[in-house]
Amino acid sequence: MAVKDERKRTENDDNESLPKKKGDASRKVESDERLAAAREMTRRVKSSESIGERETVRDSTGKESSDPAEVLSYNGSDTITEDDFSLGLLDETNRTIIGSLQENPEISQTALAEKVGLSQSSVAIRLSRLVSSGLIKDPISVDYRRLGLTMARIDVSARESRLVFDWARNCPLCVNGSSVLDQINLTLYFVTEDLETLSCIIDRHLMKIDGVTKSDCQLITSWAWEDSLHVHLDLGVRRTETPPCGIAPFCPKCPQNPDYQGKVWPPISAQSPSFEE
């Protein structure tokens, strides 16, 4: 009997140590009861949908809901687990929501709710779960051509790909990169205002990185899909005293160059203070 009482006290302590806030960064399941309630809700919803009904299930906090997404929690992993699938992360409703967002990123939550037959609040919760799980993201991207920028693809041969990627991540003009299993083992994508800046990126920065043996640059003139024109670009960067990539000198049209004279980023007179603190 004492063993059972001790076990019960331990379980209660464990439950009290679990995160209480829904938005906790760990995204852990709040309790075994909550997880069980979500599983049971998913099972009931699946069975009731076949006859056009929706059952209401009460979660461990006492809240009633007919949508399993409202009691879902994730295990904090960067990968989608079997439990995530079983709890409806990629159920038919979420697939419809994701597909609708891909077709029209500006669709309202109200329109999504009408499309999937749920309340707007349920759709909002589902979207929050999809974002917090890392399955979908909601960044703002810009059409680089409308800014007068040109994109270049640079294929690189390097003994230490990590060093190249570390440098590229700090370059405000690098918008993406990938690695491949070949003699040319890295590909980087840059947007620039002129060829002088692109030449500086390659000759005076990239080729100075230890282990880089070769590079080949191609200007991208068009994309098969228009979505590829949109990139994630920081248009609010500030001037700095040293190059952000860590390799001197500044490229002519580097957005953080104190002598920047381009058209895309604001002039230094519009920034206060002049240098980053």
C-alpha atoms as a PDB file:
ATOM      1  CA  MET A   1       0.000   0.000   0.000  1.00  0.00           C
ATOM      2  CA  ALA A   2       2.849   2.361   0.857  1.00  0.00           C
ATOM      3  CA  VAL A   3       4.415   1.658  -2.527  1.00  0.00           C
ATOM      4  CA  LYS A   4       1.199   2.608  -4.275  1.00  0.00           C
ATOM      5  CA  ASP A   5       0.902   5.813  -2.236  1.00  0.00           C
ATOM      6  CA  GLU A   6       4.503   6.757  -3.026  1.00  0.00           C
ATOM      7  CA  ARG A   7       3.919   6.082  -6.716  1.00  0.00           C
ATOM      8  CA  LYS A   8       0.810   8.255  -6.642  1.00  0.00           C
ATOM      9  CA  ARG A   9       2.720  11.121  -4.964  1.00  0.00           C
ATOM     10  CA  THR A  10       5.479  10.828  -7.599  1.00  0.00           C
ATOM     11  CA  GLU A  11       2.967  10.956 -10.450  1.00  0.00           C
ATOM     12  CA  ASN A  12       1.335  14.038  -8.927  1.00  0.00           C
ATOM     13  CA  ASP A  13       4.731  15.750  -8.592  1.00  0.00           C
ATOM     14  CA  ASP A  14       5.540  14.936 -12.223  1.00  0.00           C
ATOM     15  CA  ASN A  15       2.236  16.403 -13.405  1.00  0.00           C
ATOM     16  CA  GLU A  16       2.820  19.585 -11.373  1.00  0.00           C
ATOM     17  CA  SER A  17       6.247  20.046 -12.989  1.00  0.00           C
ATOM     18  CA  LEU A  18       4.790  20.003 -16.500  1.00  0.00           C
ATOM     19  CA  PRO A  19       4.398  23.361 -18.319  1.00  0.00           C
ATOM     20  CA  LYS A  20       1.077  25.056 -17.656  1.00  0.00           C
ATOM     21  CA  LYS A  21       1.023  27.591 -20.504  1.00  0.00           C
ATOM     22  CA  LYS A  22      -0.227  26.598 -23.946  1.00  0.00           C
ATOM     23  CA  GLY A  23       2.434  28.658 -25.655  1.00  0.00           C
ATOM     24  CA  ASP A  24       5.367  27.157 -23.758  1.00  0.00           C
ATOM     25  CA  ALA A  25       8.415  26.883 -26.011  1.00  0.00           C
ATOM     26  CA  SER A  26       8.970  23.257 -25.086  1.00  0.00           C
ATOM     27  CA  ARG A  27       5.621  22.269 -26.657  1.00  0.00           C
ATOM     28  CA  LYS A  28       5.436  19.268 -24.310  1.00  0.00           C
ATOM     29  CA  VAL A  29       2.213  17.446 -23.542  1.00  0.00           C
ATOM     30  CA  GLU A  30       0.810  19.008 -20.381  1.00  0.00           C
ATOM     31  CA  SER A  31      -0.202  15.693 -18.847  1.00  0.00           C
ATOM     32  CA  ASP A  32      -0.932  12.065 -19.627  1.00  0.00           C
ATOM     33  CA  GLU A  33      -4.629  12.798 -19.161  1.00  0.00           C
ATOM     34  CA  ARG A  34      -4.485  15.605 -21.736  1.00  0.00           C
ATOM     35  CA  LEU A  35      -2.778  13.338 -24.233  1.00  0.00           C
ATOM     36  CA  ALA A  36      -5.302  10.577 -23.634  1.00  0.00           C
ATOM     37  CA  ALA A  37      -8.187  13.038 -24.024  1.00  0.00           C
ATOM     38  CA  ALA A  38      -6.833  14.244 -27.351  1.00  0.00           C
ATOM     39  CA  ARG A  39      -6.435  10.688 -28.618  1.00  0.00           C
ATOM     40  CA  GLU A  40      -9.958   9.834 -27.517  1.00  0.00           C
ATOM     41  CA  MET A  41     -11.345  12.976 -29.138  1.00  0.00           C
ATOM     42  CA  THR A  42      -9.627  12.198 -32.434  1.00  0.00           C
ATOM     43  CA  ARG A  43     -11.039   8.664 -32.363  1.00  0.00           C
ATOM     44  CA  ARG A  44     -14.564   9.887 -31.640  1.00  0.00           C
ATOM     45  CA  VAL A  45     -14.440  12.672 -34.239  1.00  0.00           C
ATOM     46  CA  LYS A  46     -13.253  10.252 -36.913  1.00  0.00           C
ATOM     47  CA  SER A  47     -16.062   7.833 -36.102  1.00  0.00           C
ATOM     48  CA  SER A  48     -18.738  10.526 -35.805  1.00  0.00           C
ATOM     49  CA  GLU A  49     -17.743  12.275 -39.058  1.00  0.00           C
ATOM     50  CA  SER A  50     -18.815   9.192 -40.967  1.00  0.00           C
ATOM     51  CA  ILE A  51     -22.393   9.801 -39.834  1.00  0.00           C
ATOM     52  CA  GLY A  52     -22.246  13.592 -40.011  1.00  0.00           C
ATOM     53  CA  GLU A  53     -22.012  14.268 -36.282  1.00  0.00           C
ATOM     54  CA  ARG A  54     -19.495  15.932 -33.997  1.00  0.00           C
ATOM     55  CA  GLU A  55     -19.076  14.757 -30.415  1.00  0.00           C
ATOM     56  CA  THR A  56     -17.951  17.042 -27.602  1.00  0.00           C
ATOM     57  CA  VAL A  57     -15.068  15.827 -25.447  1.00  0.00           C
ATOM     58  CA  ARG A  58     -13.802  17.423 -22.250  1.00  0.00           C
ATOM     59  CA  ASP A  59     -10.021  17.748 -21.868  1.00  0.00           C
ATOM     60  CA  SER A  60      -8.057  17.494 -18.618  1.00  0.00           C
ATOM     61  CA  THR A  61      -8.649  21.169 -17.802  1.00  0.00           C
ATOM     62  CA  GLY A  62     -12.408  20.732 -18.049  1.00  0.00           C
ATOM     63  CA  LYS A  63     -12.740  22.583 -21.355  1.00  0.00           C
ATOM     64  CA  GLU A  64     -15.263  21.210 -23.837  1.00  0.00           C
ATOM     65  CA  SER A  65     -14.484  21.054 -27.536  1.00  0.00           C
ATOM     66  CA  SER A  66     -15.546  19.198 -30.648  1.00  0.00           C
ATOM     67  CA  ASP A  67     -12.226  19.825 -32.414  1.00  0.00           C
ATOM     68  CA  PRO A  68      -9.245  17.599 -31.527  1.00  0.00           C
ATOM     69  CA  ALA A  69      -6.855  20.420 -32.450  1.00  0.00           C
ATOM     70  CA  GLU A  70      -8.000  22.325 -29.374  1.00  0.00           C
ATOM     71  CA  VAL A  71      -6.449  19.794 -27.007  1.00  0.00           C
ATOM     72  CA  LEU A  72      -3.394  18.872 -29.047  1.00  0.00           C
ATOM     73  CA  SER A  73       0.089  19.387 -27.651  1.00  0.00           C
ATOM     74  CA  TYR A  74       3.402  18.451 -29.213  1.00  0.00           C
ATOM     75  CA  ASN A  75       6.363  16.683 -27.682  1.00  0.00           C
ATOM     76  CA  GLY A  76       8.980  19.377 -28.275  1.00  0.00           C
ATOM     77  CA  SER A  77      10.750  17.420 -31.016  1.00  0.00           C
ATOM     78  CA  ASP A  78      11.774  19.011 -34.310  1.00  0.00           C
ATOM     79  CA  THR A  79      10.392  15.991 -36.164  1.00  0.00           C
ATOM     80  CA  ILE A  80       6.812  14.861 -36.601  1.00  0.00           C
ATOM     81  CA  THR A  81       6.244  11.741 -34.509  1.00  0.00           C
ATOM     82  CA  GLU A  82       3.707   8.950 -34.818  1.00  0.00           C
ATOM     83  CA  ASP A  83       1.725  10.574 -31.998  1.00  0.00           C
ATOM     84  CA  ASP A  84       1.597  13.852 -33.923  1.00  0.00           C
ATOM     85  CA  PHE A  85       0.055  12.051 -36.895  1.00  0.00           C
ATOM     86  CA  SER A  86      -2.363  10.080 -34.712  1.00  0.00           C
ATOM     87  CA  LEU A  87      -3.535  13.274 -32.994  1.00  0.00           C
ATOM     88  CA  GLY A  88      -4.469  14.868 -36.282  1.00  0.00           C
ATOM     89  CA  LEU A  89      -1.496  17.077 -37.163  1.00  0.00           C
ATOM     90  CA  LEU A  90      -1.975  16.004 -40.760  1.00  0.00           C
ATOM     91  CA  ASP A  91      -5.609  15.024 -40.641  1.00  0.00           C
ATOM     92  CA  GLU A  92      -7.942  15.838 -43.530  1.00  0.00           C
ATOM     93  CA  THR A  93      -8.898  19.209 -42.045  1.00  0.00           C
ATOM     94  CA  ASN A  94      -5.303  20.387 -41.617  1.00  0.00           C
ATOM     95  CA  ARG A  95      -4.429  19.184 -45.106  1.00  0.00           C
ATOM     96  CA  THR A  96      -7.280  21.314 -46.453  1.00  0.00           C
ATOM     97  CA  ILE A  97      -6.095  24.307 -44.410  1.00  0.00           C
ATOM     98  CA  ILE A  98      -2.505  23.956 -45.642  1.00  0.00           C
ATOM     99  CA  GLY A  99      -3.631  23.496 -49.250  1.00  0.00           C
ATOM    100  CA  SER A 100      -5.845  26.592 -49.045  1.00  0.00           C
ATOM    101  CA  LEU A 101      -2.970  28.669 -47.660  1.00  0.00           C
ATOM    102  CA  GLN A 102      -0.705  27.483 -50.462  1.00  0.00           C
ATOM    103  CA  GLU A 103      -3.310  28.516 -53.043  1.00  0.00           C
ATOM    104  CA  ASN A 104      -4.048  31.833 -51.367  1.00  0.00           C
ATOM    105  CA  PRO A 105      -1.690  32.950 -48.560  1.00  0.00           C
ATOM    106  CA  GLU A 106      -4.003  35.913 -47.810  1.00  0.00           C
ATOM    107  CA  ILE A 107      -7.119  33.818 -47.159  1.00  0.00           C
ATOM    108  CA  SER A 108      -8.828  34.846 -43.928  1.00  0.00           C
ATOM    109  CA  GLN A 109      -9.404  32.564 -40.957  1.00  0.00           C
ATOM    110  CA  THR A 110     -13.131  33.112 -41.422  1.00  0.00           C
ATOM    111  CA  ALA A 111     -12.949  31.838 -45.000  1.00  0.00           C
ATOM    112  CA  LEU A 112     -10.876  28.863 -43.869  1.00  0.00           C
ATOM    113  CA  ALA A 113     -13.422  28.096 -41.144  1.00  0.00           C
ATOM    114  CA  GLU A 114     -16.256  28.057 -43.690  1.00  0.00           C
ATOM    115  CA  LYS A 115     -14.208  25.813 -45.959  1.00  0.00           C
ATOM    116  CA  VAL A 116     -13.474  23.160 -43.326  1.00  0.00           C
ATOM    117  CA  GLY A 117     -16.717  23.473 -41.361  1.00  0.00           C
ATOM    118  CA  LEU A 118     -15.224  24.630 -38.058  1.00  0.00           C
ATOM    119  CA  SER A 119     -15.401  27.797 -35.996  1.00  0.00           C
ATOM    120  CA  GLN A 120     -12.902  30.588 -36.591  1.00  0.00           C
ATOM    121  CA  SER A 121     -11.408  30.005 -33.138  1.00  0.00           C
ATOM    122  CA  SER A 122     -10.807  26.326 -33.925  1.00  0.00           C
ATOM    123  CA  VAL A 123      -9.049  27.263 -37.167  1.00  0.00           C
ATOM    124  CA  ALA A 124      -6.912  29.794 -35.283  1.00  0.00           C
ATOM    125  CA  ILE A 125      -5.859  27.090 -32.819  1.00  0.00           C
ATOM    126  CA  ARG A 126      -5.078  24.661 -35.628  1.00  0.00           C
ATOM    127  CA  LEU A 127      -2.943  27.285 -37.385  1.00  0.00           C
ATOM    128  CA  SER A 128      -1.127  28.038 -34.136  1.00  0.00           C
ATOM    129  CA  ARG A 129      -0.368  24.334 -33.645  1.00  0.00           C
ATOM    130  CA  LEU A 130       0.848  23.921 -37.228  1.00  0.00           C
ATOM    131  CA  VAL A 131       3.176  26.910 -36.851  1.00  0.00           C
ATOM    132  CA  SER A 132       4.468  25.885 -33.402  1.00  0.00           C
ATOM    133  CA  SER A 133       5.169  22.363 -34.682  1.00  0.00           C
ATOM    134  CA  GLY A 134       7.369  23.837 -37.426  1.00  0.00           C
ATOM    135  CA  LEU A 135       5.358  22.194 -40.204  1.00  0.00           C
ATOM    136  CA  ILE A 136       4.329  25.541 -41.684  1.00  0.00           C
ATOM    137  CA  LYS A 137       5.857  28.977 -41.341  1.00  0.00           C
ATOM    138  CA  ASP A 138       4.494  32.474 -41.743  1.00  0.00           C
ATOM    139  CA  PRO A 139       7.393  34.696 -42.838  1.00  0.00           C
ATOM    140  CA  ILE A 140       7.122  37.834 -44.961  1.00  0.00           C
ATOM    141  CA  SER A 141       8.893  37.594 -48.302  1.00  0.00           C
ATOM    142  CA  VAL A 142       9.533  40.142 -51.039  1.00  0.00           C
ATOM    143  CA  ASP A 143       9.776  39.979 -54.821  1.00  0.00           C
ATOM    144  CA  TYR A 144      13.451  40.782 -55.391  1.00  0.00           C
ATOM    145  CA  ARG A 145      12.935  41.771 -59.036  1.00  0.00           C
ATOM    146  CA  ARG A 146      10.507  44.528 -58.058  1.00  0.00           C
ATOM    147  CA  LEU A 147      13.302  45.936 -55.899  1.00  0.00           C
ATOM    148  CA  GLY A 148      15.631  46.042 -58.905  1.00  0.00           C
ATOM    149  CA  LEU A 149      17.810  43.218 -57.578  1.00  0.00           C
ATOM    150  CA  THR A 150      19.457  40.434 -59.580  1.00  0.00           C
ATOM    151  CA  MET A 151      19.840  36.889 -58.256  1.00  0.00           C
ATOM    152  CA  ALA A 152      22.980  34.842 -58.783  1.00  0.00           C
ATOM    153  CA  ARG A 153      23.677  31.190 -58.087  1.00  0.00           C
ATOM    154  CA  ILE A 154      27.216  30.435 -56.960  1.00  0.00           C
ATOM    155  CA  ASP A 155      28.427  26.830 -56.970  1.00  0.00           C
ATOM    156  CA  VAL A 156      31.301  26.302 -54.563  1.00  0.00           C
ATOM    157  CA  SER A 157      33.884  23.613 -53.937  1.00  0.00           C
ATOM    158  CA  ALA A 158      35.060  23.674 -50.328  1.00  0.00           C
ATOM    159  CA  ARG A 159      36.736  21.302 -47.910  1.00  0.00           C
ATOM    160  CA  GLU A 160      34.795  22.746 -44.958  1.00  0.00           C
ATOM    161  CA  SER A 161      31.230  23.519 -45.995  1.00  0.00           C
ATOM    162  CA  ARG A 162      30.425  24.670 -42.448  1.00  0.00           C
ATOM    163  CA  LEU A 163      32.825  27.612 -42.737  1.00  0.00           C
ATOM    164  CA  VAL A 164      31.183  28.735 -45.962  1.00  0.00           C
ATOM    165  CA  PHE A 165      27.672  28.472 -44.546  1.00  0.00           C
ATOM    166  CA  ASP A 166      28.691  30.338 -41.378  1.00  0.00           C
ATOM    167  CA  TRP A 167      29.986  33.184 -43.537  1.00  0.00           C
ATOM    168  CA  ALA A 168      26.943  33.154 -45.846  1.00  0.00           C
ATOM    169  CA  ARG A 169      24.457  33.299 -42.959  1.00  0.00           C
ATOM    170  CA  ASN A 170      25.953  36.626 -41.888  1.00  0.00           C
ATOM    171  CA  CYS A 171      25.837  38.144 -45.374  1.00  0.00           C
ATOM    172  CA  PRO A 172      22.662  40.264 -45.709  1.00  0.00           C
ATOM    173  CA  LEU A 173      22.598  39.573 -49.462  1.00  0.00           C
ATOM    174  CA  CYS A 174      22.643  35.763 -49.199  1.00  0.00           C
ATOM    175  CA  VAL A 175      19.066  34.460 -49.376  1.00  0.00           C
ATOM    176  CA  ASN A 176      19.585  30.681 -49.435  1.00  0.00           C
ATOM    177  CA  GLY A 177      22.062  27.839 -49.729  1.00  0.00           C
ATOM    178  CA  SER A 178      22.222  24.079 -50.152  1.00  0.00           C
ATOM    179  CA  SER A 179      24.769  21.294 -50.014  1.00  0.00           C
ATOM    180  CA  VAL A 180      25.161  18.386 -52.436  1.00  0.00           C
ATOM    181  CA  LEU A 181      27.287  15.267 -52.683  1.00  0.00           C
ATOM    182  CA  ASP A 182      29.611  16.209 -55.525  1.00  0.00           C
ATOM    183  CA  GLN A 183      32.874  18.000 -56.280  1.00  0.00           C
ATOM    184  CA  ILE A 184      30.803  21.190 -56.298  1.00  0.00           C
ATOM    185  CA  ASN A 185      29.467  20.590 -52.802  1.00  0.00           C
ATOM    186  CA  LEU A 186      27.700  23.881 -52.022  1.00  0.00           C
ATOM    187  CA  THR A 187      25.314  26.198 -53.809  1.00  0.00           C
ATOM    188  CA  LEU A 188      24.604  29.723 -52.568  1.00  0.00           C
ATOM    189  CA  TYR A 189      22.035  32.256 -53.782  1.00  0.00           C
ATOM    190  CA  PHE A 190      22.663  35.995 -53.567  1.00  0.00           C
ATOM    191  CA  VAL A 191      20.701  39.077 -54.602  1.00  0.00           C
ATOM    192  CA  THR A 192      22.636  42.211 -55.510  1.00  0.00           C
ATOM    193  CA  GLU A 193      22.079  45.656 -56.978  1.00  0.00           C
ATOM    194  CA  ASP A 194      25.031  45.475 -59.374  1.00  0.00           C
ATOM    195  CA  LEU A 195      27.739  43.181 -60.740  1.00  0.00           C
ATOM    196  CA  GLU A 196      30.465  45.076 -58.885  1.00  0.00           C
ATOM    197  CA  THR A 197      29.005  43.967 -55.565  1.00  0.00           C
ATOM    198  CA  LEU A 198      28.602  40.399 -56.824  1.00  0.00           C
ATOM    199  CA  SER A 199      32.254  40.307 -57.924  1.00  0.00           C
ATOM    200  CA  CYS A 200      33.336  41.560 -54.504  1.00  0.00           C
ATOM    201  CA  ILE A 201      31.283  38.862 -52.785  1.00  0.00           C
ATOM    202  CA  ILE A 202      33.028  36.167 -54.816  1.00  0.00           C
ATOM    203  CA  ASP A 203      36.585  37.427 -55.275  1.00  0.00           C
ATOM    204  CA  ARG A 204      37.233  39.363 -52.076  1.00  0.00           C
ATOM    205  CA  HIS A 205      35.115  37.376 -49.618  1.00  0.00           C
ATOM    206  CA  LEU A 206      34.089  33.877 -50.682  1.00  0.00           C
ATOM    207  CA  MET A 207      37.434  32.887 -52.191  1.00  0.00           C
ATOM    208  CA  LYS A 208      39.227  34.054 -49.024  1.00  0.00           C
ATOM    209  CA  ILE A 209      37.477  31.462 -46.871  1.00  0.00           C
ATOM    210  CA  ASP A 210      39.824  28.685 -45.815  1.00  0.00           C
ATOM    211  CA  GLY A 211      39.201  25.518 -47.828  1.00  0.00           C
ATOM    212  CA  VAL A 212      37.359  27.110 -50.746  1.00  0.00           C
ATOM    213  CA  THR A 213      39.038  25.887 -53.935  1.00  0.00           C
ATOM    214  CA  LYS A 214      36.645  26.829 -56.709  1.00  0.00           C
ATOM    215  CA  SER A 215      33.507  28.839 -57.459  1.00  0.00           C
ATOM    216  CA  ASP A 216      31.280  29.232 -60.493  1.00  0.00           C
ATOM    217  CA  CYS A 217      28.675  31.993 -60.819  1.00  0.00           C
ATOM    218  CA  GLN A 218      25.531  32.045 -62.936  1.00  0.00           C
ATOM    219  CA  LEU A 219      23.004  34.886 -63.131  1.00  0.00           C
ATOM    220  CA  ILE A 220      19.417  33.680 -62.859  1.00  0.00           C
ATOM    221  CA  THR A 221      17.326  35.256 -65.615  1.00  0.00           C
ATOM    222  CA  SER A 222      13.989  33.551 -64.932  1.00  0.00           C
ATOM    223  CA  TRP A 223      12.207  31.000 -62.776  1.00  0.00           C
ATOM    224  CA  ALA A 224       9.741  28.320 -63.850  1.00  0.00           C
ATOM    225  CA  TRP A 225       7.511  29.199 -60.882  1.00  0.00           C
ATOM    226  CA  GLU A 226       6.810  32.780 -59.863  1.00  0.00           C
ATOM    227  CA  ASP A 227       6.896  31.876 -56.149  1.00  0.00           C
ATOM    228  CA  SER A 228      10.680  31.534 -56.469  1.00  0.00           C
ATOM    229  CA  LEU A 229      10.861  35.304 -56.989  1.00  0.00           C
ATOM    230  CA  HIS A 230       9.960  35.880 -53.347  1.00  0.00           C
ATOM    231  CA  VAL A 231      12.815  35.800 -50.861  1.00  0.00           C
ATOM    232  CA  HIS A 232      13.262  36.592 -47.194  1.00  0.00           C
ATOM    233  CA  LEU A 233      15.238  39.815 -47.145  1.00  0.00           C
ATOM    234  CA  ASP A 234      15.881  42.127 -44.203  1.00  0.00           C
ATOM    235  CA  LEU A 235      15.062  45.607 -45.475  1.00  0.00           C
ATOM    236  CA  GLY A 236      15.680  47.234 -42.098  1.00  0.00           C
ATOM    237  CA  VAL A 237      19.360  46.425 -41.509  1.00  0.00           C
ATOM    238  CA  ARG A 238      21.516  49.141 -39.970  1.00  0.00           C
ATOM    239  CA  ARG A 239      24.963  50.405 -40.897  1.00  0.00           C
ATOM    240  CA  THR A 240      27.857  48.814 -39.028  1.00  0.00           C
ATOM    241  CA  GLU A 241      31.513  49.728 -38.553  1.00  0.00           C
ATOM    242  CA  THR A 242      32.717  46.319 -39.761  1.00  0.00           C
ATOM    243  CA  PRO A 243      31.402  43.984 -42.489  1.00  0.00           C
ATOM    244  CA  PRO A 244      28.647  41.724 -41.094  1.00  0.00           C
ATOM    245  CA  CYS A 245      30.172  38.650 -42.742  1.00  0.00           C
ATOM    246  CA  GLY A 246      33.461  39.206 -40.889  1.00  0.00           C
ATOM    247  CA  ILE A 247      35.643  39.611 -43.995  1.00  0.00           C
ATOM    248  CA  ALA A 248      36.944  43.036 -45.037  1.00  0.00           C
ATOM    249  CA  PRO A 249      36.457  45.117 -47.076  1.00  0.00           C
ATOM    250  CA  PHE A 250      32.806  46.046 -47.301  1.00  0.00           C
ATOM    251  CA  CYS A 251      31.173  45.162 -50.607  1.00  0.00           C
ATOM    252  CA  PRO A 252      30.166  48.398 -52.437  1.00  0.00           C
ATOM    253  CA  LYS A 253      26.414  47.898 -52.114  1.00  0.00           C
ATOM    254  CA  CYS A 254      26.393  45.904 -48.879  1.00  0.00           C
ATOM    255  CA  PRO A 255      23.320  47.209 -46.985  1.00  0.00           C
ATOM    256  CA  GLN A 256      25.426  47.643 -43.839  1.00  0.00           C
ATOM    257  CA  ASN A 257      28.230  49.567 -45.574  1.00  0.00           C
ATOM    258  CA  PRO A 258      28.498  53.104 -44.059  1.00  0.00           C
ATOM    259  CA  ASP A 259      29.189  54.356 -47.603  1.00  0.00           C
ATOM    260  CA  TYR A 260      26.201  52.551 -49.125  1.00  0.00           C
ATOM    261  CA  GLN A 261      24.783  54.547 -52.033  1.00  0.00           C
ATOM    262  CA  GLY A 262      22.156  52.147 -53.388  1.00  0.00           C
ATOM    263  CA  LYS A 263      18.386  52.505 -53.772  1.00  0.00           C
ATOM    264  CA  VAL A 264      16.955  49.504 -51.898  1.00  0.00           C
ATOM    265  CA  TRP A 265      18.041  50.143 -48.306  1.00  0.00           C
ATOM    266  CA  PRO A 266      17.495  53.494 -46.567  1.00  0.00           C
ATOM    267  CA  PRO A 267      20.242  56.125 -46.671  1.00  0.00           C
ATOM    268  CA  ILE A 268      22.370  56.572 -43.585  1.00  0.00           C
ATOM    269  CA  SER A 269      20.653  59.929 -42.897  1.00  0.00           C
ATOM    270  CA  ALA A 270      17.431  57.999 -42.225  1.00  0.00           C
ATOM    271  CA  GLN A 271      19.048  55.811 -39.594  1.00  0.00           C
ATOM    272  CA  SER A 272      19.696  56.891 -36.031  1.00  0.00           C
ATOM    273  CA  PRO A 273      22.177  56.212 -34.596  1.00  0.00           C
ATOM    274  CA  SER A 274      24.512  55.801 -37.586  1.00  0.00           C
ATOM    275  CA  PHE A 275      26.047  52.570 -36.311  1.00  0.00           C
ATOM    276  CA  GLU A 276      24.644  49.575 -34.535  1.00  0.00           C
ATOM    277  CA  GLU A 277      25.126  49.690 -30.783  1.00  0.00           C
END
